[in-house]
């Protein structure tokens, strides 16, 4: 794909690193990138085909460095469909990270809890997802050299990485949930009726990201681990309004546990 080649030409002028693990950091979770040793920052705006990241809590840059003995590239901020970008644009950085060398992808997000056993501040390992975006980043011509026309999604989230994450959490004494993540395009929060429907469908949490990147990573046959931070309970579960401010505040509150868990997982893989 020519657009990937053009980005790689620019990246080679800025770094010689070849990361083995990719991180996508969700709303309020970007501070983990500050843990990388000998870090190099590459703003998205310095790269061709990368639009501007417009959401508060998303810095909009790649950070490359060392974490727990591994070479890592972190997306400190991501793109969303509700910003006006196509799902192909949203997922494009995953193809770039794979071209840089990653074989494993850890994708994180801040989201609303649907499962009433969850509480704000819980971390949820994603076991599967439901795509209610009404679209796919793979629509259009397929490059068979990159991935298959019809990717298998039976185990999009690596069972092996999920088990490693559970063991890491147990060792650290961090309680983690596990469940199904449902993606909508937003930007409005869901209505109480929509949340009731999503619960019937089998969703444990709902957000506005992650699924496009995971579809792209599956297309590339990467090993994927997904972790959600439950920053609030979804609409109608608690009798209170929802706000992005609450999302950022809750993500900040669990930052220490989140950082410790990700570092332990990276060490184990």
Protein backbone atom coordinates (compact mmCIF):
# COMPACT_ATOMS: atom_id res chain seq x y z
CA UNK A 1 0.00 0.00 0.00
CA UNK A 2 1.61 3.21 -1.19
CA UNK A 3 0.33 5.35 1.69
CA UNK A 4 2.04 3.04 4.22
CA UNK A 5 5.29 3.19 2.25
CA UNK A 6 5.17 7.00 2.26
CA UNK A 7 4.70 7.07 6.05
CA UNK A 8 7.54 4.59 6.53
CA UNK A 9 9.88 6.72 4.41
CA UNK A 10 9.20 9.65 6.76
CA UNK A 11 9.50 7.52 9.90
CA UNK A 12 12.89 6.15 8.85
CA UNK A 13 14.15 9.72 8.79
CA UNK A 14 13.11 10.16 12.44
CA UNK A 15 13.85 6.82 14.13
CA UNK A 16 15.80 3.62 13.62
CA UNK A 17 13.80 1.69 16.20
CA UNK A 18 11.88 -1.45 15.24
CA UNK A 19 9.18 -1.98 17.90
CA UNK A 20 7.86 -5.45 18.69
CA UNK A 21 4.76 -4.38 20.65
CA UNK A 22 2.21 -1.69 19.82
CA UNK A 23 0.08 0.18 22.37
CA UNK A 24 -3.04 2.22 21.64
CA UNK A 25 -3.82 4.40 24.65
CA UNK A 26 -7.39 5.54 25.21
CA UNK A 27 -8.91 8.65 26.79
CA UNK A 28 -7.10 9.62 29.98
CA UNK A 29 -4.68 6.67 29.67
CA UNK A 30 -1.98 8.34 27.59
CA UNK A 31 0.37 8.95 30.52
CA UNK A 32 1.61 5.36 30.20
CA UNK A 33 3.67 6.53 27.23
CA UNK A 34 5.66 8.68 29.66
CA UNK A 35 6.96 5.45 31.25
CA UNK A 36 8.94 4.55 28.11
CA UNK A 37 12.70 4.86 28.53
CA UNK A 38 14.85 6.71 25.97
CA UNK A 39 11.64 7.87 24.36
CA UNK A 40 11.25 9.45 20.93
CA UNK A 41 8.08 11.43 20.15
CA UNK A 42 6.78 11.65 16.61
CA UNK A 43 3.70 13.89 16.22
CA UNK A 44 1.06 12.51 13.87
CA UNK A 45 1.00 15.86 12.08
CA UNK A 46 4.61 15.29 10.97
CA UNK A 47 3.55 12.19 9.02
CA UNK A 48 1.74 12.01 5.66
CA UNK A 49 -1.82 10.64 5.66
CA UNK A 50 -2.23 11.25 9.41
CA UNK A 51 -5.06 13.68 10.26
CA UNK A 52 -5.21 15.74 13.44
CA UNK A 53 -6.39 14.11 16.69
CA UNK A 54 -8.99 16.47 18.15
CA UNK A 55 -10.22 14.87 21.39
CA UNK A 56 -9.20 16.14 24.82
CA UNK A 57 -6.93 13.61 26.52
CA UNK A 58 -5.38 12.50 23.21
CA UNK A 59 -1.97 14.11 22.57
CA UNK A 60 -1.72 12.87 18.99
CA UNK A 61 1.74 11.33 18.68
CA UNK A 62 3.70 8.12 18.44
CA UNK A 63 6.07 7.49 21.34
CA UNK A 64 8.82 4.92 20.79
CA UNK A 65 10.98 3.59 23.60
CA UNK A 66 11.82 0.74 25.92
CA UNK A 67 9.39 -0.74 28.45
CA UNK A 68 10.12 -3.80 30.58
CA UNK A 69 12.92 -4.87 28.24
CA UNK A 70 10.79 -4.61 25.09
CA UNK A 71 10.86 -2.06 22.28
CA UNK A 72 7.42 -0.48 22.18
CA UNK A 73 5.56 2.03 20.04
CA UNK A 74 2.64 3.74 21.78
CA UNK A 75 -0.14 5.73 20.18
CA UNK A 76 -0.61 8.58 22.65
CA UNK A 77 -4.04 9.41 21.35
CA UNK A 78 -6.15 7.78 18.64
CA UNK A 79 -8.68 8.71 15.97
CA UNK A 80 -12.44 8.22 16.21
CA UNK A 81 -15.19 7.90 13.62
CA UNK A 82 -17.15 10.71 15.33
CA UNK A 83 -14.34 13.17 14.58
CA UNK A 84 -15.34 12.84 10.94
CA UNK A 85 -12.74 10.27 9.94
CA UNK A 86 -13.51 7.12 7.97
CA UNK A 87 -12.87 3.79 9.67
CA UNK A 88 -10.02 3.26 7.23
CA UNK A 89 -8.41 6.45 8.56
CA UNK A 90 -9.11 5.40 12.16
CA UNK A 91 -7.39 2.04 11.59
CA UNK A 92 -4.54 3.28 9.38
CA UNK A 93 -2.00 3.70 12.24
CA UNK A 94 -2.29 -0.04 12.99
CA UNK A 95 -1.00 -0.82 9.50
CA UNK A 96 1.85 1.62 10.05
CA UNK A 97 2.80 0.05 13.38
CA UNK A 98 2.78 -3.40 11.77
CA UNK A 99 5.05 -2.09 9.01
CA UNK A 100 7.35 -0.76 11.75
CA UNK A 101 7.67 -4.30 13.10
CA UNK A 102 5.04 -5.00 15.78
CA UNK A 103 3.68 -8.53 16.17
CA UNK A 104 1.50 -7.88 19.22
CA UNK A 105 -0.99 -5.06 19.85
CA UNK A 106 -2.41 -3.96 23.20
CA UNK A 107 -5.40 -1.71 22.63
CA UNK A 108 -7.02 0.20 25.50
CA UNK A 109 -10.03 2.43 25.91
CA UNK A 110 -12.22 4.27 28.39
CA UNK A 111 -15.81 3.11 28.23
CA UNK A 112 -19.17 2.80 29.98
CA UNK A 113 -20.17 -0.24 32.01
CA UNK A 114 -23.32 -2.10 30.97
CA UNK A 115 -22.84 -5.14 33.21
CA UNK A 116 -24.31 -4.11 36.56
CA UNK A 117 -21.64 -6.14 38.39
CA UNK A 118 -19.07 -3.61 37.16
CA UNK A 119 -18.07 -0.40 38.94
CA UNK A 120 -16.37 2.80 37.73
CA UNK A 121 -12.64 2.25 37.94
CA UNK A 122 -12.76 -1.46 37.03
CA UNK A 123 -10.43 -2.76 34.33
CA UNK A 124 -12.04 -5.19 31.87
CA UNK A 125 -10.17 -7.65 29.67
CA UNK A 126 -12.00 -7.73 26.34
CA UNK A 127 -12.94 -11.28 25.36
CA UNK A 128 -14.94 -10.35 22.24
CA UNK A 129 -16.67 -7.39 20.65
CA UNK A 130 -19.86 -6.34 18.88
CA UNK A 131 -19.50 -3.91 15.98
CA UNK A 132 -22.39 -1.45 15.88
CA UNK A 133 -20.48 1.16 13.90
CA UNK A 134 -22.33 0.15 10.76
CA UNK A 135 -19.05 0.00 8.82
CA UNK A 136 -15.66 -1.72 8.55
CA UNK A 137 -12.16 -0.37 7.85
CA UNK A 138 -11.72 -3.21 5.34
CA UNK A 139 -14.45 -2.09 2.92
CA UNK A 140 -12.97 -1.41 -0.50
CA UNK A 141 -10.17 -3.05 -2.49
CA UNK A 142 -8.09 -5.60 -0.56
CA UNK A 143 -4.31 -5.93 -0.74
CA UNK A 144 -3.71 -9.68 -0.46
CA UNK A 145 -0.08 -9.06 0.47
CA UNK A 146 -1.25 -7.29 3.64
CA UNK A 147 -4.07 -9.57 4.70
CA UNK A 148 -6.91 -11.83 3.52
CA UNK A 149 -10.07 -10.52 1.89
CA UNK A 150 -12.18 -12.22 4.58
CA UNK A 151 -10.32 -12.22 7.92
CA UNK A 152 -11.35 -14.71 10.58
CA UNK A 153 -12.56 -13.03 13.80
CA UNK A 154 -13.17 -16.21 15.83
CA UNK A 155 -10.40 -15.33 18.29
CA UNK A 156 -9.74 -11.67 17.56
CA UNK A 157 -8.60 -11.22 21.18
CA UNK A 158 -5.77 -13.67 21.89
CA UNK A 159 -6.78 -16.26 24.52
CA UNK A 160 -3.09 -16.64 25.39
CA UNK A 161 -2.64 -12.91 26.02
CA UNK A 162 -5.87 -12.80 28.05
CA UNK A 163 -4.53 -15.57 30.30
CA UNK A 164 -1.20 -13.77 30.68
CA UNK A 165 -3.08 -10.58 31.61
CA UNK A 166 -5.16 -12.46 34.21
CA UNK A 167 -2.03 -13.95 35.77
CA UNK A 168 -0.32 -10.54 35.81
CA UNK A 169 -3.35 -8.98 37.51
CA UNK A 170 -3.49 -11.77 40.10
CA UNK A 171 0.21 -11.35 40.90
CA UNK A 172 -0.28 -7.59 41.35
CA UNK A 173 -3.44 -8.01 43.40
CA UNK A 174 -5.49 -6.07 40.84
CA UNK A 175 -9.08 -7.21 40.36
CA UNK A 176 -9.99 -7.37 36.67
CA UNK A 177 -13.28 -8.03 34.94
CA UNK A 178 -13.71 -9.79 31.59
CA UNK A 179 -16.39 -9.19 29.02
CA UNK A 180 -17.71 -8.15 25.63
CA UNK A 181 -17.10 -4.62 24.34
CA UNK A 182 -19.67 -3.01 22.03
CA UNK A 183 -18.67 -0.12 19.76
CA UNK A 184 -20.96 2.67 18.60
CA UNK A 185 -19.87 5.68 16.57
CA UNK A 186 -21.16 8.40 18.96
CA UNK A 187 -20.37 11.14 19.75
CA UNK A 188 -23.60 11.25 21.77
CA UNK A 189 -23.85 8.89 24.69
CA UNK A 190 -26.38 6.07 24.42
CA UNK A 191 -29.98 6.32 25.61
CA UNK A 192 -31.32 4.10 28.42
CA UNK A 193 -33.33 2.13 25.84
CA UNK A 194 -30.21 1.54 23.74
CA UNK A 195 -28.32 0.31 26.80
CA UNK A 196 -31.14 -2.15 27.60
CA UNK A 197 -30.91 -3.43 24.01
CA UNK A 198 -27.12 -3.78 24.25
CA UNK A 199 -27.41 -5.77 27.48
CA UNK A 200 -29.83 -8.17 25.77
CA UNK A 201 -27.32 -8.50 22.92
CA UNK A 202 -24.65 -9.63 25.38
CA UNK A 203 -22.53 -6.48 25.77
CA UNK A 204 -20.76 -5.81 29.07
CA UNK A 205 -19.36 -2.39 28.13
CA UNK A 206 -19.86 0.24 25.46
CA UNK A 207 -17.53 2.76 23.85
CA UNK A 208 -16.70 4.64 20.67
CA UNK A 209 -13.37 3.13 19.62
CA UNK A 210 -11.20 -0.02 19.56
CA UNK A 211 -13.20 -2.19 17.15
CA UNK A 212 -11.85 -0.60 13.92
CA UNK A 213 -8.25 -1.03 15.13
CA UNK A 214 -8.91 -4.63 16.19
CA UNK A 215 -10.46 -5.47 12.82
CA UNK A 216 -7.35 -4.05 11.12
CA UNK A 217 -5.04 -5.92 13.49
CA UNK A 218 -6.93 -9.15 12.77
CA UNK A 219 -6.54 -8.45 9.06
CA UNK A 220 -2.78 -8.26 9.74
CA UNK A 221 -2.85 -11.44 11.89
CA UNK A 222 -1.46 -9.63 14.94
CA UNK A 223 -1.86 -11.02 18.45
CA UNK A 224 -4.29 -8.67 20.20
CA UNK A 225 -5.06 -7.86 23.82
CA UNK A 226 -7.86 -5.43 24.66
CA UNK A 227 -8.29 -3.69 28.01
CA UNK A 228 -11.14 -1.33 28.88
CA UNK A 229 -11.23 1.09 31.79
CA UNK A 230 -14.82 1.32 33.02
CA UNK A 231 -14.96 5.05 33.67
CA UNK A 232 -18.70 5.34 34.31
CA UNK A 233 -21.85 3.25 34.29
CA UNK A 234 -23.78 3.51 31.04
CA UNK A 235 -26.89 5.65 30.68
CA UNK A 236 -29.90 4.58 32.72
CA UNK A 237 -28.03 2.33 35.17
CA UNK A 238 -27.39 5.16 37.61
CA UNK A 239 -29.64 8.19 37.76
CA UNK A 240 -26.98 10.74 36.82
CA UNK A 241 -25.86 12.56 33.66
CA UNK A 242 -22.79 11.40 31.74
CA UNK A 243 -19.81 13.61 30.89
CA UNK A 244 -16.37 13.32 29.30
CA UNK A 245 -14.98 15.06 32.41
CA UNK A 246 -15.99 12.02 34.47
CA UNK A 247 -14.26 9.74 31.95
CA UNK A 248 -10.95 11.60 32.32
CA UNK A 249 -11.22 11.82 36.12
CA UNK A 250 -11.88 8.10 36.57
CA UNK A 251 -9.12 7.11 34.14
CA UNK A 252 -6.74 9.31 36.12
CA UNK A 253 -7.82 7.65 39.38
CA UNK A 254 -6.93 4.14 38.14
CA UNK A 255 -3.77 5.23 36.32
CA UNK A 256 -1.39 3.53 38.78
CA UNK A 257 -3.10 0.12 38.54
CA UNK A 258 -3.48 0.43 34.76
CA UNK A 259 0.20 1.30 34.31
CA UNK A 260 1.38 -1.49 36.61
CA UNK A 261 -0.80 -4.04 34.81
CA UNK A 262 0.34 -3.06 31.31
CA UNK A 263 3.99 -3.11 32.35
CA UNK A 264 3.61 -6.55 33.92
CA UNK A 265 1.86 -7.89 30.80
CA UNK A 266 4.58 -6.53 28.53
CA UNK A 267 7.24 -8.10 30.74
CA UNK A 268 5.47 -11.49 30.44
CA UNK A 269 5.21 -11.46 26.66
